[in-house]
Amino acid sequence: MLYNEEANGGLERRSMKILVIDGQGGRLGRKLVESIRETCPEAEITAVGTNSIATQNMLSSGCADHLATGENAVIVACRSAQIIVGPLGIATADAMLGEISPAMATAVASSPAYRVLIPLNLCDTYVAGVSGSSSDILENALEHIRQLHQNP
C-alpha cells in the first residue's frame, strides 16, 4: 500500500496503480484483471487493449476501474502506472502479430513503472528457460504482484 503525506502531517492511504495491457482476444488480460482484483482489491486497475476485442473481453470481467483501447491509450497509461502487467510481447515492437507498435513497446519499456511480463512462447518467439505451464507462470506473476502490492 502506498501513502501520501497530508498537509496536517498525517499519512493518506492511496491505492497502487496497476496497468494491464493485452491484445489479440484479451483472454490473458481478462484473467490478469480478475486475479489482480481478487488479490489486491484496493488497487486501481486500468485495462488497455491493443484492439477493441481485447478491451471488450477485459471489460466483461467487471473488475477494471478504467478501460481504454489503442496505441495512444497504452502510451498515456504507461506514464502514470506503478506496475505494468501483460504478456512479454507488450515490450517488443511488432509483437502479437503486429498489434504492438514501436511506440507502444517504447512506452512500456521506458516507463518508470515496475514491469511484470508474462513469458509466452507464441508468435515466433521462444523464451528460454520457460518450462512451466501457462497457469503456473500466471500464478507466479500474480504472487509477485501480491508481494509488490504489500511491500511497495
N, C-alpha and C. Protein backbone atom coordinates (compact mmCIF):
# COMPACT_ATOMS: atom_id res chain seq x y z
N MET A 1 0.85 -1.17 0.00
CA MET A 1 0.00 0.00 0.00
C MET A 1 0.89 1.23 0.00
N LEU A 2 0.48 2.25 -0.71
CA LEU A 2 1.24 3.48 -0.81
C LEU A 2 0.58 4.57 0.03
N TYR A 3 1.36 5.54 0.45
CA TYR A 3 0.85 6.62 1.27
C TYR A 3 1.33 7.95 0.74
N ASN A 4 0.48 8.97 0.85
CA ASN A 4 0.84 10.35 0.56
C ASN A 4 0.90 11.09 1.87
N GLU A 5 1.85 12.00 2.00
CA GLU A 5 1.90 12.81 3.21
C GLU A 5 0.86 13.91 3.09
N GLU A 6 -0.01 14.01 4.08
CA GLU A 6 -1.04 15.04 4.09
C GLU A 6 -0.49 16.34 4.66
N ALA A 7 -1.16 17.44 4.39
CA ALA A 7 -0.72 18.76 4.85
C ALA A 7 -0.64 18.83 6.38
N ASN A 8 -1.50 18.07 7.07
CA ASN A 8 -1.51 18.11 8.53
C ASN A 8 -0.46 17.18 9.15
N GLY A 9 0.40 16.60 8.34
CA GLY A 9 1.47 15.75 8.86
C GLY A 9 1.12 14.28 8.92
N GLY A 10 -0.14 13.94 8.69
CA GLY A 10 -0.55 12.54 8.71
C GLY A 10 -0.28 11.86 7.37
N LEU A 11 -0.67 10.62 7.28
CA LEU A 11 -0.49 9.89 6.04
C LEU A 11 -1.85 9.51 5.46
N GLU A 12 -2.01 9.73 4.17
CA GLU A 12 -3.22 9.36 3.47
C GLU A 12 -2.93 8.09 2.67
N ARG A 13 -3.75 7.09 2.85
CA ARG A 13 -3.57 5.84 2.12
C ARG A 13 -4.03 6.02 0.68
N ARG A 14 -3.24 5.52 -0.26
CA ARG A 14 -3.67 5.57 -1.66
C ARG A 14 -3.37 4.24 -2.31
N SER A 15 -4.14 3.93 -3.32
CA SER A 15 -4.02 2.62 -3.94
C SER A 15 -2.93 2.60 -5.00
N MET A 16 -2.42 1.41 -5.25
CA MET A 16 -1.41 1.23 -6.26
C MET A 16 -2.07 1.23 -7.63
N LYS A 17 -1.44 1.89 -8.60
CA LYS A 17 -1.97 1.96 -9.96
C LYS A 17 -1.35 0.85 -10.79
N ILE A 18 -2.19 -0.10 -11.17
CA ILE A 18 -1.74 -1.25 -11.95
C ILE A 18 -2.35 -1.16 -13.34
N LEU A 19 -1.50 -1.26 -14.35
CA LEU A 19 -1.92 -1.22 -15.75
C LEU A 19 -1.79 -2.61 -16.34
N VAL A 20 -2.88 -3.13 -16.89
CA VAL A 20 -2.87 -4.41 -17.58
C VAL A 20 -3.03 -4.11 -19.07
N ILE A 21 -2.10 -4.60 -19.87
CA ILE A 21 -2.15 -4.41 -21.32
C ILE A 21 -2.24 -5.78 -21.97
N ASP A 22 -3.17 -5.92 -22.93
CA ASP A 22 -3.28 -7.18 -23.67
C ASP A 22 -3.83 -6.89 -25.06
N GLY A 23 -3.63 -7.84 -25.94
CA GLY A 23 -4.11 -7.73 -27.31
C GLY A 23 -4.79 -9.01 -27.73
N GLN A 24 -4.81 -9.25 -29.05
CA GLN A 24 -5.45 -10.43 -29.60
C GLN A 24 -6.88 -10.53 -29.05
N GLY A 25 -7.23 -11.62 -28.38
CA GLY A 25 -8.58 -11.78 -27.85
C GLY A 25 -8.76 -11.29 -26.44
N GLY A 26 -7.68 -10.90 -25.77
CA GLY A 26 -7.77 -10.34 -24.43
C GLY A 26 -8.02 -11.35 -23.32
N ARG A 27 -7.85 -12.64 -23.60
CA ARG A 27 -8.12 -13.66 -22.57
C ARG A 27 -7.12 -13.58 -21.42
N LEU A 28 -5.85 -13.41 -21.73
CA LEU A 28 -4.84 -13.28 -20.67
C LEU A 28 -5.12 -12.02 -19.86
N GLY A 29 -5.41 -10.93 -20.52
CA GLY A 29 -5.71 -9.68 -19.83
C GLY A 29 -6.90 -9.81 -18.90
N ARG A 30 -7.94 -10.48 -19.36
CA ARG A 30 -9.12 -10.68 -18.52
C ARG A 30 -8.76 -11.48 -17.27
N LYS A 31 -8.00 -12.55 -17.45
CA LYS A 31 -7.59 -13.38 -16.31
C LYS A 31 -6.74 -12.56 -15.34
N LEU A 32 -5.84 -11.75 -15.88
CA LEU A 32 -5.00 -10.90 -15.03
C LEU A 32 -5.83 -9.90 -14.24
N VAL A 33 -6.75 -9.21 -14.92
CA VAL A 33 -7.58 -8.21 -14.25
C VAL A 33 -8.40 -8.87 -13.14
N GLU A 34 -9.02 -10.00 -13.43
CA GLU A 34 -9.82 -10.70 -12.41
C GLU A 34 -8.96 -11.13 -11.22
N SER A 35 -7.81 -11.70 -11.50
CA SER A 35 -6.95 -12.21 -10.44
C SER A 35 -6.34 -11.08 -9.61
N ILE A 36 -5.95 -9.99 -10.26
CA ILE A 36 -5.39 -8.86 -9.53
C ILE A 36 -6.46 -8.24 -8.63
N ARG A 37 -7.67 -8.11 -9.13
CA ARG A 37 -8.76 -7.55 -8.32
C ARG A 37 -9.02 -8.43 -7.10
N GLU A 38 -8.98 -9.73 -7.28
CA GLU A 38 -9.21 -10.67 -6.17
C GLU A 38 -8.08 -10.56 -5.14
N THR A 39 -6.86 -10.46 -5.63
CA THR A 39 -5.68 -10.43 -4.76
C THR A 39 -5.45 -9.06 -4.12
N CYS A 40 -5.68 -8.02 -4.88
CA CYS A 40 -5.41 -6.65 -4.43
C CYS A 40 -6.67 -5.81 -4.63
N PRO A 41 -7.69 -6.01 -3.80
CA PRO A 41 -8.99 -5.37 -4.04
C PRO A 41 -8.95 -3.84 -4.05
N GLU A 42 -8.01 -3.23 -3.36
CA GLU A 42 -7.96 -1.77 -3.32
C GLU A 42 -7.10 -1.16 -4.42
N ALA A 43 -6.48 -1.99 -5.26
CA ALA A 43 -5.66 -1.47 -6.35
C ALA A 43 -6.53 -0.75 -7.38
N GLU A 44 -5.95 0.27 -8.00
CA GLU A 44 -6.62 0.96 -9.11
C GLU A 44 -6.14 0.30 -10.40
N ILE A 45 -7.04 -0.44 -11.04
CA ILE A 45 -6.67 -1.22 -12.22
C ILE A 45 -7.16 -0.53 -13.49
N THR A 46 -6.22 -0.29 -14.39
CA THR A 46 -6.53 0.21 -15.72
C THR A 46 -6.22 -0.90 -16.71
N ALA A 47 -7.19 -1.23 -17.55
CA ALA A 47 -7.00 -2.27 -18.57
C ALA A 47 -7.02 -1.61 -19.94
N VAL A 48 -5.96 -1.84 -20.72
CA VAL A 48 -5.88 -1.27 -22.06
C VAL A 48 -5.69 -2.41 -23.06
N GLY A 49 -6.59 -2.47 -24.01
CA GLY A 49 -6.49 -3.45 -25.09
C GLY A 49 -5.86 -2.81 -26.31
N THR A 50 -5.07 -3.60 -27.02
CA THR A 50 -4.49 -3.08 -28.25
C THR A 50 -5.53 -3.07 -29.37
N ASN A 51 -6.66 -3.72 -29.12
CA ASN A 51 -7.77 -3.73 -30.07
C ASN A 51 -9.07 -3.79 -29.28
N SER A 52 -10.19 -3.53 -29.93
CA SER A 52 -11.46 -3.44 -29.22
C SER A 52 -11.93 -4.77 -28.67
N ILE A 53 -11.57 -5.88 -29.30
CA ILE A 53 -11.96 -7.20 -28.79
C ILE A 53 -11.27 -7.48 -27.46
N ALA A 54 -9.98 -7.19 -27.39
CA ALA A 54 -9.24 -7.38 -26.13
C ALA A 54 -9.82 -6.50 -25.03
N THR A 55 -10.12 -5.25 -25.35
CA THR A 55 -10.70 -4.35 -24.36
C THR A 55 -12.06 -4.86 -23.90
N GLN A 56 -12.89 -5.29 -24.84
CA GLN A 56 -14.23 -5.80 -24.50
C GLN A 56 -14.13 -7.01 -23.58
N ASN A 57 -13.18 -7.89 -23.85
CA ASN A 57 -13.02 -9.07 -23.00
C ASN A 57 -12.60 -8.68 -21.59
N MET A 58 -11.71 -7.71 -21.46
CA MET A 58 -11.31 -7.25 -20.12
C MET A 58 -12.45 -6.50 -19.44
N LEU A 59 -13.24 -5.76 -20.21
CA LEU A 59 -14.41 -5.07 -19.68
C LEU A 59 -15.42 -6.05 -19.11
N SER A 60 -15.62 -7.15 -19.79
CA SER A 60 -16.63 -8.12 -19.35
C SER A 60 -16.29 -8.77 -18.01
N SER A 61 -15.04 -8.63 -17.58
CA SER A 61 -14.67 -9.15 -16.26
C SER A 61 -15.33 -8.35 -15.15
N GLY A 62 -15.63 -7.08 -15.43
CA GLY A 62 -16.22 -6.21 -14.44
C GLY A 62 -15.27 -5.80 -13.33
N CYS A 63 -13.99 -6.03 -13.51
CA CYS A 63 -13.01 -5.82 -12.44
C CYS A 63 -12.09 -4.62 -12.64
N ALA A 64 -12.07 -4.03 -13.81
CA ALA A 64 -11.17 -2.90 -14.06
C ALA A 64 -11.85 -1.59 -13.69
N ASP A 65 -11.06 -0.66 -13.16
CA ASP A 65 -11.57 0.67 -12.81
C ASP A 65 -11.65 1.57 -14.05
N HIS A 66 -10.72 1.37 -14.98
CA HIS A 66 -10.65 2.19 -16.19
C HIS A 66 -10.33 1.28 -17.36
N LEU A 67 -10.88 1.58 -18.52
CA LEU A 67 -10.60 0.81 -19.73
C LEU A 67 -10.35 1.75 -20.89
N ALA A 68 -9.50 1.32 -21.80
CA ALA A 68 -9.22 2.10 -23.00
C ALA A 68 -8.69 1.16 -24.08
N THR A 69 -8.63 1.69 -25.30
CA THR A 69 -8.18 0.88 -26.43
C THR A 69 -7.22 1.68 -27.28
N GLY A 70 -6.17 1.01 -27.77
CA GLY A 70 -5.33 1.57 -28.81
C GLY A 70 -3.96 2.06 -28.38
N GLU A 71 -3.22 2.47 -29.39
CA GLU A 71 -1.83 2.87 -29.20
C GLU A 71 -1.68 4.05 -28.25
N ASN A 72 -2.43 5.12 -28.46
CA ASN A 72 -2.27 6.29 -27.61
C ASN A 72 -2.69 5.99 -26.18
N ALA A 73 -3.69 5.15 -26.01
CA ALA A 73 -4.11 4.77 -24.65
C ALA A 73 -2.99 4.05 -23.92
N VAL A 74 -2.27 3.16 -24.61
CA VAL A 74 -1.13 2.48 -23.99
C VAL A 74 -0.07 3.49 -23.59
N ILE A 75 0.26 4.39 -24.50
CA ILE A 75 1.31 5.38 -24.25
C ILE A 75 0.96 6.25 -23.05
N VAL A 76 -0.26 6.76 -23.00
CA VAL A 76 -0.69 7.64 -21.91
C VAL A 76 -0.75 6.88 -20.59
N ALA A 77 -1.31 5.68 -20.60
CA ALA A 77 -1.45 4.90 -19.36
C ALA A 77 -0.10 4.51 -18.77
N CYS A 78 0.88 4.29 -19.61
CA CYS A 78 2.23 3.92 -19.12
C CYS A 78 2.87 5.04 -18.32
N ARG A 79 2.46 6.27 -18.57
CA ARG A 79 3.05 7.42 -17.86
C ARG A 79 2.75 7.43 -16.37
N SER A 80 1.56 6.96 -15.99
CA SER A 80 1.15 7.07 -14.59
C SER A 80 1.06 5.74 -13.86
N ALA A 81 1.30 4.64 -14.55
CA ALA A 81 1.23 3.33 -13.90
C ALA A 81 2.41 3.12 -12.96
N GLN A 82 2.15 2.39 -11.90
CA GLN A 82 3.23 2.00 -10.99
C GLN A 82 3.68 0.57 -11.27
N ILE A 83 2.75 -0.25 -11.77
CA ILE A 83 3.08 -1.61 -12.21
C ILE A 83 2.40 -1.81 -13.55
N ILE A 84 3.15 -2.33 -14.52
CA ILE A 84 2.60 -2.69 -15.83
C ILE A 84 2.64 -4.21 -15.93
N VAL A 85 1.51 -4.81 -16.28
CA VAL A 85 1.40 -6.26 -16.36
C VAL A 85 0.86 -6.64 -17.74
N GLY A 86 1.44 -7.68 -18.30
CA GLY A 86 0.95 -8.18 -19.58
C GLY A 86 1.90 -9.19 -20.16
N PRO A 87 1.59 -9.70 -21.34
CA PRO A 87 2.49 -10.65 -21.98
C PRO A 87 3.81 -9.98 -22.36
N LEU A 88 4.86 -10.76 -22.42
CA LEU A 88 6.19 -10.24 -22.75
C LEU A 88 6.18 -9.40 -24.02
N GLY A 89 5.34 -9.74 -24.95
CA GLY A 89 5.28 -9.04 -26.23
C GLY A 89 4.93 -7.57 -26.15
N ILE A 90 4.35 -7.11 -25.05
CA ILE A 90 3.99 -5.68 -24.98
C ILE A 90 5.22 -4.78 -24.94
N ALA A 91 6.38 -5.35 -24.68
CA ALA A 91 7.62 -4.57 -24.67
C ALA A 91 8.46 -4.84 -25.92
N THR A 92 7.85 -5.48 -26.92
CA THR A 92 8.57 -5.85 -28.15
C THR A 92 7.84 -5.30 -29.37
N ALA A 93 8.48 -4.42 -30.10
CA ALA A 93 7.86 -3.84 -31.29
C ALA A 93 7.43 -4.92 -32.27
N ASP A 94 6.27 -4.75 -32.85
CA ASP A 94 5.69 -5.63 -33.86
C ASP A 94 5.27 -6.99 -33.33
N ALA A 95 5.27 -7.16 -32.01
CA ALA A 95 4.84 -8.43 -31.42
C ALA A 95 3.33 -8.59 -31.54
N MET A 96 2.86 -9.74 -31.16
CA MET A 96 1.43 -10.08 -31.16
C MET A 96 0.83 -9.85 -32.54
N LEU A 97 1.50 -10.40 -33.54
CA LEU A 97 1.08 -10.30 -34.94
C LEU A 97 0.96 -8.85 -35.42
N GLY A 98 1.84 -8.00 -34.90
CA GLY A 98 1.88 -6.61 -35.32
C GLY A 98 1.02 -5.66 -34.51
N GLU A 99 0.33 -6.16 -33.49
CA GLU A 99 -0.53 -5.28 -32.69
C GLU A 99 0.26 -4.32 -31.80
N ILE A 100 1.49 -4.67 -31.47
CA ILE A 100 2.32 -3.79 -30.63
C ILE A 100 3.20 -2.94 -31.54
N SER A 101 2.88 -1.66 -31.60
CA SER A 101 3.66 -0.75 -32.44
C SER A 101 4.97 -0.41 -31.73
N PRO A 102 5.95 0.08 -32.47
CA PRO A 102 7.19 0.51 -31.82
C PRO A 102 6.94 1.56 -30.72
N ALA A 103 5.98 2.45 -30.92
CA ALA A 103 5.68 3.47 -29.91
C ALA A 103 5.12 2.84 -28.63
N MET A 104 4.29 1.83 -28.78
CA MET A 104 3.73 1.14 -27.61
C MET A 104 4.84 0.42 -26.84
N ALA A 105 5.67 -0.30 -27.56
CA ALA A 105 6.76 -1.04 -26.92
C ALA A 105 7.71 -0.08 -26.20
N THR A 106 8.00 1.05 -26.82
CA THR A 106 8.86 2.04 -26.19
C THR A 106 8.22 2.61 -24.93
N ALA A 107 6.91 2.87 -24.98
CA ALA A 107 6.21 3.40 -23.80
C ALA A 107 6.29 2.42 -22.64
N VAL A 108 6.10 1.13 -22.92
CA VAL A 108 6.18 0.12 -21.86
C VAL A 108 7.61 0.02 -21.33
N ALA A 109 8.57 -0.08 -22.25
CA ALA A 109 9.96 -0.29 -21.85
C ALA A 109 10.56 0.91 -21.14
N SER A 110 10.14 2.12 -21.49
CA SER A 110 10.75 3.31 -20.89
C SER A 110 9.94 3.88 -19.73
N SER A 111 8.82 3.28 -19.42
CA SER A 111 8.01 3.74 -18.29
C SER A 111 8.79 3.56 -16.99
N PRO A 112 8.61 4.47 -16.04
CA PRO A 112 9.24 4.27 -14.73
C PRO A 112 8.57 3.17 -13.90
N ALA A 113 7.47 2.63 -14.41
CA ALA A 113 6.74 1.59 -13.69
C ALA A 113 7.56 0.30 -13.60
N TYR A 114 7.23 -0.48 -12.59
CA TYR A 114 7.79 -1.83 -12.46
C TYR A 114 7.00 -2.71 -13.43
N ARG A 115 7.67 -3.55 -14.19
CA ARG A 115 7.01 -4.39 -15.19
C ARG A 115 6.98 -5.86 -14.74
N VAL A 116 5.80 -6.46 -14.85
CA VAL A 116 5.64 -7.90 -14.63
C VAL A 116 5.17 -8.45 -15.96
N LEU A 117 6.10 -9.07 -16.69
CA LEU A 117 5.81 -9.55 -18.04
C LEU A 117 5.67 -11.07 -18.03
N ILE A 118 4.62 -11.54 -18.66
CA ILE A 118 4.30 -12.97 -18.69
C ILE A 118 4.93 -13.56 -19.95
N PRO A 119 5.90 -14.48 -19.80
CA PRO A 119 6.54 -15.07 -20.98
C PRO A 119 5.65 -16.14 -21.60
N LEU A 120 5.33 -15.95 -22.85
CA LEU A 120 4.56 -16.94 -23.60
C LEU A 120 5.33 -17.26 -24.88
N ASN A 121 5.48 -18.51 -25.17
CA ASN A 121 6.21 -18.92 -26.37
C ASN A 121 5.25 -18.94 -27.55
N LEU A 122 4.93 -17.73 -28.03
CA LEU A 122 3.99 -17.56 -29.14
C LEU A 122 4.56 -16.60 -30.17
N CYS A 123 3.95 -16.57 -31.33
CA CYS A 123 4.28 -15.60 -32.38
C CYS A 123 5.77 -15.59 -32.71
N ASP A 124 6.30 -16.73 -32.98
CA ASP A 124 7.69 -16.86 -33.41
C ASP A 124 8.70 -16.38 -32.38
N THR A 125 8.36 -16.50 -31.11
CA THR A 125 9.28 -16.14 -30.04
C THR A 125 9.37 -17.30 -29.07
N TYR A 126 10.60 -17.69 -28.78
CA TYR A 126 10.83 -18.73 -27.79
C TYR A 126 11.57 -18.09 -26.63
N VAL A 127 11.02 -18.23 -25.43
CA VAL A 127 11.66 -17.68 -24.24
C VAL A 127 12.37 -18.83 -23.54
N ALA A 128 13.69 -18.84 -23.59
CA ALA A 128 14.47 -19.92 -23.00
C ALA A 128 14.25 -19.95 -21.49
N GLY A 129 14.21 -21.14 -20.95
CA GLY A 129 14.06 -21.30 -19.51
C GLY A 129 12.62 -21.33 -19.03
N VAL A 130 11.69 -21.09 -19.92
CA VAL A 130 10.28 -21.12 -19.54
C VAL A 130 9.75 -22.51 -19.83
N SER A 131 9.60 -23.27 -18.76
CA SER A 131 9.17 -24.65 -18.97
C SER A 131 7.86 -24.97 -18.25
N GLY A 132 7.39 -24.07 -17.40
CA GLY A 132 6.15 -24.31 -16.67
C GLY A 132 4.93 -24.13 -17.55
N SER A 133 3.80 -24.60 -17.06
CA SER A 133 2.55 -24.41 -17.80
C SER A 133 2.14 -22.95 -17.72
N SER A 134 1.24 -22.55 -18.59
CA SER A 134 0.76 -21.16 -18.58
C SER A 134 0.15 -20.80 -17.24
N SER A 135 -0.59 -21.74 -16.64
CA SER A 135 -1.21 -21.44 -15.34
C SER A 135 -0.17 -21.29 -14.24
N ASP A 136 0.91 -22.07 -14.29
CA ASP A 136 2.00 -21.93 -13.31
C ASP A 136 2.69 -20.57 -13.46
N ILE A 137 2.93 -20.18 -14.70
CA ILE A 137 3.59 -18.90 -14.98
C ILE A 137 2.70 -17.75 -14.50
N LEU A 138 1.41 -17.84 -14.78
CA LEU A 138 0.48 -16.81 -14.36
C LEU A 138 0.41 -16.71 -12.84
N GLU A 139 0.36 -17.83 -12.16
CA GLU A 139 0.31 -17.83 -10.69
C GLU A 139 1.59 -17.22 -10.11
N ASN A 140 2.72 -17.52 -10.72
CA ASN A 140 3.98 -16.92 -10.27
C ASN A 140 3.95 -15.41 -10.43
N ALA A 141 3.44 -14.93 -11.56
CA ALA A 141 3.35 -13.49 -11.80
C ALA A 141 2.41 -12.83 -10.79
N LEU A 142 1.28 -13.47 -10.52
CA LEU A 142 0.32 -12.91 -9.57
C LEU A 142 0.88 -12.87 -8.15
N GLU A 143 1.64 -13.88 -7.78
CA GLU A 143 2.28 -13.88 -6.46
C GLU A 143 3.27 -12.72 -6.35
N HIS A 144 3.99 -12.46 -7.43
CA HIS A 144 4.94 -11.34 -7.44
C HIS A 144 4.20 -10.01 -7.30
N ILE A 145 3.07 -9.87 -7.98
CA ILE A 145 2.27 -8.64 -7.88
C ILE A 145 1.75 -8.48 -6.45
N ARG A 146 1.30 -9.57 -5.84
CA ARG A 146 0.85 -9.53 -4.44
C ARG A 146 1.95 -8.97 -3.54
N GLN A 147 3.17 -9.49 -3.72
CA GLN A 147 4.30 -9.04 -2.91
C GLN A 147 4.61 -7.57 -3.16
N LEU A 148 4.56 -7.14 -4.41
CA LEU A 148 4.81 -5.73 -4.73
C LEU A 148 3.76 -4.84 -4.09
N HIS A 149 2.53 -5.30 -4.10
CA HIS A 149 1.42 -4.52 -3.56
C HIS A 149 1.54 -4.39 -2.05
N GLN A 150 1.95 -5.45 -1.40
CA GLN A 150 2.08 -5.44 0.05
C GLN A 150 3.32 -4.68 0.53
N ASN A 151 4.38 -4.71 -0.26
CA ASN A 151 5.65 -4.09 0.12
C ASN A 151 6.18 -3.22 -1.02
N PRO A 152 5.54 -2.07 -1.31
CA PRO A 152 5.95 -1.27 -2.47
C PRO A 152 7.34 -0.68 -2.34
